[in-house]
Protein backbone atom coordinates (compact mmCIF):
# COMPACT_ATOMS: atom_id res chain seq x y z
CA MET A 1 0.00 0.10 -0.01
CA THR A 2 2.93 2.28 0.46
CA TRP A 3 3.76 2.16 -3.19
CA CYS A 4 0.16 2.82 -3.99
CA VAL A 5 -0.10 5.97 -1.95
CA SER A 6 3.39 7.10 -3.11
CA SER A 7 2.51 6.45 -6.81
CA MET A 8 -0.57 8.50 -6.55
CA ARG A 9 0.77 11.56 -4.73
CA PRO A 10 2.39 13.21 -7.65
CA PHE A 11 -0.95 13.04 -9.50
CA PRO A 12 -3.71 14.83 -7.54
CA GLY A 13 -6.17 14.12 -10.40
CA CYS A 14 -5.60 10.50 -9.80
CA LEU A 15 -6.35 10.86 -5.95
CA ASP A 16 -9.38 13.03 -6.66
CA ARG A 17 -10.73 10.48 -9.18
CA LEU A 18 -10.24 7.61 -6.77
CA ARG A 19 -11.88 9.58 -3.88
CA ALA A 20 -14.90 10.47 -6.04
CA GLU A 21 -15.39 6.81 -7.16
CA ILE A 22 -15.19 5.65 -3.53
CA ASN A 23 -17.53 8.41 -2.28
CA ALA A 24 -20.06 7.45 -4.99
CA ALA A 25 -19.99 3.75 -4.08
CA VAL A 26 -20.35 4.51 -0.35
CA PRO A 27 -21.90 8.10 0.02
CA ASP A 28 -22.46 7.97 3.61
CA ARG A 29 -19.22 8.73 5.10
CA SER A 30 -20.18 7.45 8.52
CA THR A 31 -20.78 4.05 7.04
CA PRO A 32 -17.78 1.73 7.03
CA ILE A 33 -16.69 0.51 3.74
CA THR A 34 -17.33 -3.15 2.94
CA HIS A 35 -15.42 -5.24 0.35
CA ALA A 36 -18.68 -5.90 -1.47
CA ALA A 37 -18.97 -2.17 -1.97
CA VAL A 38 -15.41 -1.67 -3.43
CA ARG A 39 -14.45 -4.93 -4.93
CA GLU A 40 -15.53 -4.15 -8.50
CA LEU A 41 -14.68 -0.44 -8.50
CA PRO A 42 -12.84 0.09 -11.73
CA TYR A 43 -10.60 2.86 -10.82
CA LEU A 44 -9.53 1.56 -7.41
CA ASN A 45 -8.62 -1.78 -9.03
CA ALA A 46 -6.80 0.14 -11.80
CA VAL A 47 -4.74 2.03 -9.22
CA ILE A 48 -3.77 -1.21 -7.35
CA ASN A 49 -2.93 -2.96 -10.48
CA GLU A 50 -0.79 -0.11 -11.71
CA SER A 51 1.10 0.30 -8.41
CA GLN A 52 1.67 -3.56 -8.33
CA ARG A 53 2.84 -3.51 -11.92
CA LEU A 54 5.48 -0.86 -11.20
CA ARG A 55 6.40 -2.02 -7.77
CA PRO A 56 5.73 -5.78 -7.52
CA ILE A 57 5.99 -7.24 -4.05
CA SER A 58 8.71 -9.60 -5.26
CA PRO A 59 10.29 -8.17 -8.45
CA HIS A 60 12.26 -11.24 -9.33
CA GLY A 61 10.06 -14.13 -8.65
CA MET A 62 11.04 -17.38 -7.17
CA SER A 63 13.71 -19.66 -8.66
CA ARG A 64 12.87 -23.01 -9.97
CA ILE A 65 15.10 -26.06 -10.88
CA VAL A 66 14.47 -27.66 -14.26
CA PRO A 67 13.59 -31.39 -13.93
CA LYS A 68 16.42 -33.84 -14.68
CA GLU A 69 15.08 -34.55 -18.21
CA GLY A 70 15.22 -30.93 -19.10
CA VAL A 71 12.49 -28.85 -20.80
CA MET A 72 11.65 -26.91 -23.79
CA LEU A 73 10.97 -23.32 -22.98
CA GLY A 74 10.23 -20.67 -25.55
CA GLY A 75 11.72 -22.84 -28.24
CA TYR A 76 14.99 -23.38 -26.24
CA PHE A 77 16.13 -26.62 -24.48
CA ILE A 78 16.95 -26.00 -20.86
CA PRO A 79 18.99 -28.88 -19.37
CA GLY A 80 17.88 -30.63 -16.32
CA GLY A 81 19.24 -29.22 -12.95
CA THR A 82 19.45 -25.67 -14.34
CA THR A 83 18.07 -22.95 -11.89
CA ILE A 84 15.69 -20.57 -13.82
CA LEU A 85 14.03 -17.42 -12.54
CA ALA A 86 11.46 -15.24 -14.35
CA SER A 87 11.82 -11.62 -13.75
CA ILE A 88 8.35 -10.28 -12.84
CA LYS A 89 9.64 -6.71 -13.08
CA THR A 90 10.77 -7.31 -16.57
CA LEU A 91 7.46 -8.89 -17.56
CA GLN A 92 5.47 -6.04 -16.11
CA GLU A 93 7.56 -3.38 -18.00
CA ASP A 94 7.24 -4.94 -21.34
CA LYS A 95 6.62 -1.99 -23.71
CA ASN A 96 4.71 -4.23 -26.10
CA VAL A 97 2.13 -4.86 -23.36
CA PHE A 98 2.40 -1.64 -21.36
CA PRO A 99 3.17 1.40 -23.60
CA ASP A 100 5.18 3.94 -21.78
CA PRO A 101 5.97 1.13 -19.13
CA MET A 102 7.78 3.35 -16.51
CA ALA A 103 4.85 5.80 -16.15
CA PHE A 104 2.21 5.44 -13.57
CA LYS A 105 -0.93 5.37 -15.62
CA PRO A 106 -3.93 3.62 -13.89
CA GLU A 107 -6.19 4.57 -16.83
CA ARG A 108 -4.46 1.93 -19.02
CA TRP A 109 -6.44 -0.63 -16.96
CA LEU A 110 -9.68 0.91 -18.11
CA ALA A 111 -9.05 0.10 -21.76
CA ASP A 112 -11.03 -2.39 -23.86
CA GLU A 113 -11.44 -5.97 -22.65
CA SER A 114 -8.88 -7.39 -25.02
CA THR A 115 -6.15 -4.94 -23.98
CA VAL A 116 -6.87 -5.49 -20.24
CA ALA A 117 -6.80 -9.24 -20.76
CA THR A 118 -3.28 -8.95 -22.33
CA MET A 119 -2.05 -6.77 -19.42
CA LYS A 120 -3.54 -9.09 -16.81
CA ARG A 121 -1.52 -12.02 -18.31
CA SER A 122 1.60 -10.08 -17.75
CA LEU A 123 0.63 -8.89 -14.28
CA ILE A 124 1.74 -11.42 -11.77
CA PRO A 125 2.41 -9.80 -8.38
CA PHE A 126 1.64 -12.78 -6.28
CA GLN A 127 3.41 -15.25 -8.43
CA ILE A 128 1.57 -18.00 -10.49
CA GLY A 129 1.27 -21.67 -10.46
CA PRO A 130 1.62 -24.12 -7.53
CA ARG A 131 3.91 -21.54 -5.62
CA ALA A 132 1.51 -18.68 -5.98
CA CYS A 133 0.77 -16.67 -2.63
CA ILE A 134 -2.03 -18.39 -1.00
CA GLY A 135 -3.03 -15.19 0.60
CA ARG A 136 -3.53 -13.23 -2.58
CA VAL A 137 -7.30 -12.98 -2.43
CA LEU A 138 -7.01 -11.76 1.22
CA ALA A 139 -4.27 -9.41 0.34
CA MET A 140 -6.24 -7.84 -2.44
CA MET A 141 -9.31 -7.43 -0.12
CA GLU A 142 -7.19 -5.78 2.43
CA MET A 143 -5.53 -3.44 -0.10
CA ARG A 144 -9.02 -2.37 -1.41
CA LEU A 145 -10.48 -1.73 2.00
CA THR A 146 -7.35 0.04 3.43
CA ILE A 147 -6.86 2.23 0.40
CA ALA A 148 -10.44 3.10 0.12
CA GLU A 149 -10.74 3.99 3.88
CA LEU A 150 -7.42 6.11 3.71
CA VAL A 151 -8.32 8.02 0.49
CA ARG A 152 -11.94 8.52 1.69
CA HIS A 153 -10.93 10.18 4.99
CA PHE A 154 -7.41 11.65 4.51
CA ALA A 155 -5.34 14.00 2.34
CA PHE A 156 -1.61 13.43 2.50
CA GLU A 157 1.24 15.84 2.74
CA ILE A 158 4.94 15.32 2.75
CA PRO A 159 6.67 18.30 4.36
CA PRO A 160 10.13 18.94 2.75
CA HIS A 161 11.91 17.97 6.09
CA LEU A 162 10.20 14.58 6.07
CA GLN A 163 11.16 13.62 2.33
CA THR A 164 12.25 10.15 2.08
CA ASP A 165 14.01 8.35 -0.86
CA MET A 166 11.48 6.09 -2.55
CA THR A 167 14.02 4.52 -4.83
CA PRO A 168 13.03 0.84 -4.83
CA VAL A 169 15.59 -1.51 -3.37
CA ASN A 170 15.18 -5.25 -3.79
CA ARG A 171 15.52 -7.08 -0.58
CA PHE A 172 13.60 -10.11 -1.65
CA ILE A 173 10.67 -7.67 -1.77
CA TYR A 174 10.74 -4.14 -2.88
CA ARG A 175 11.26 -1.56 -0.04
CA PRO A 176 11.97 2.23 -0.31
CA LYS A 177 15.70 2.99 -0.09
CA ASP A 178 15.05 4.78 3.13
CA ASN A 179 12.97 1.84 4.40
CA LYS A 180 10.03 4.07 5.19
CA TYR A 181 7.62 6.51 3.57
CA VAL A 182 6.61 9.28 5.86
CA VAL A 183 3.41 11.24 5.04
CA LEU A 184 1.24 13.43 7.21
CA PRO A 185 -2.41 12.54 6.87
CA HIS A 186 -5.06 15.33 7.20
CA ARG A 187 -8.48 14.28 7.95
CA ILE A 188 -10.83 15.65 5.36
CA ASP A 189 -14.32 14.66 6.70
């Protein structure tokens, strides 16, 4: 969620659009937000997808060892016993799938169904296959609820004296270089 909030901050229009979508879905600000109310919100899901695309939880995936008989992969024979690793970060920055891949653009996830389906095949923030994160459904639910509540009730400020270096550093998972993200929340309701 740190990456989601830090990615939106430079784009006030993004935060405003997300806040409007959440407020339209749950207009009574005293009513707690439920997952049923926000699960299908297009822009909320677009913001989460885009932040996970640019800052995947584990950018380099998990290594696998090729079975002893070897395997054909992408037209190449990989000998048995070889350790292979798919770079999730590289897949999620493919300019053929994600034009302008280094830019934070949640709107790309609001494109036609075919384009979104192609992007979803390249978005693998929780790994895929038998070693995929078993908590991914719960994690997505928690992200939707937490981001919706934060955006609904708070504006975020970063005073100059509290600036942190958000350069991503891979320590199995991506973390900000300063290992923190300091923001001052201001209640808006």
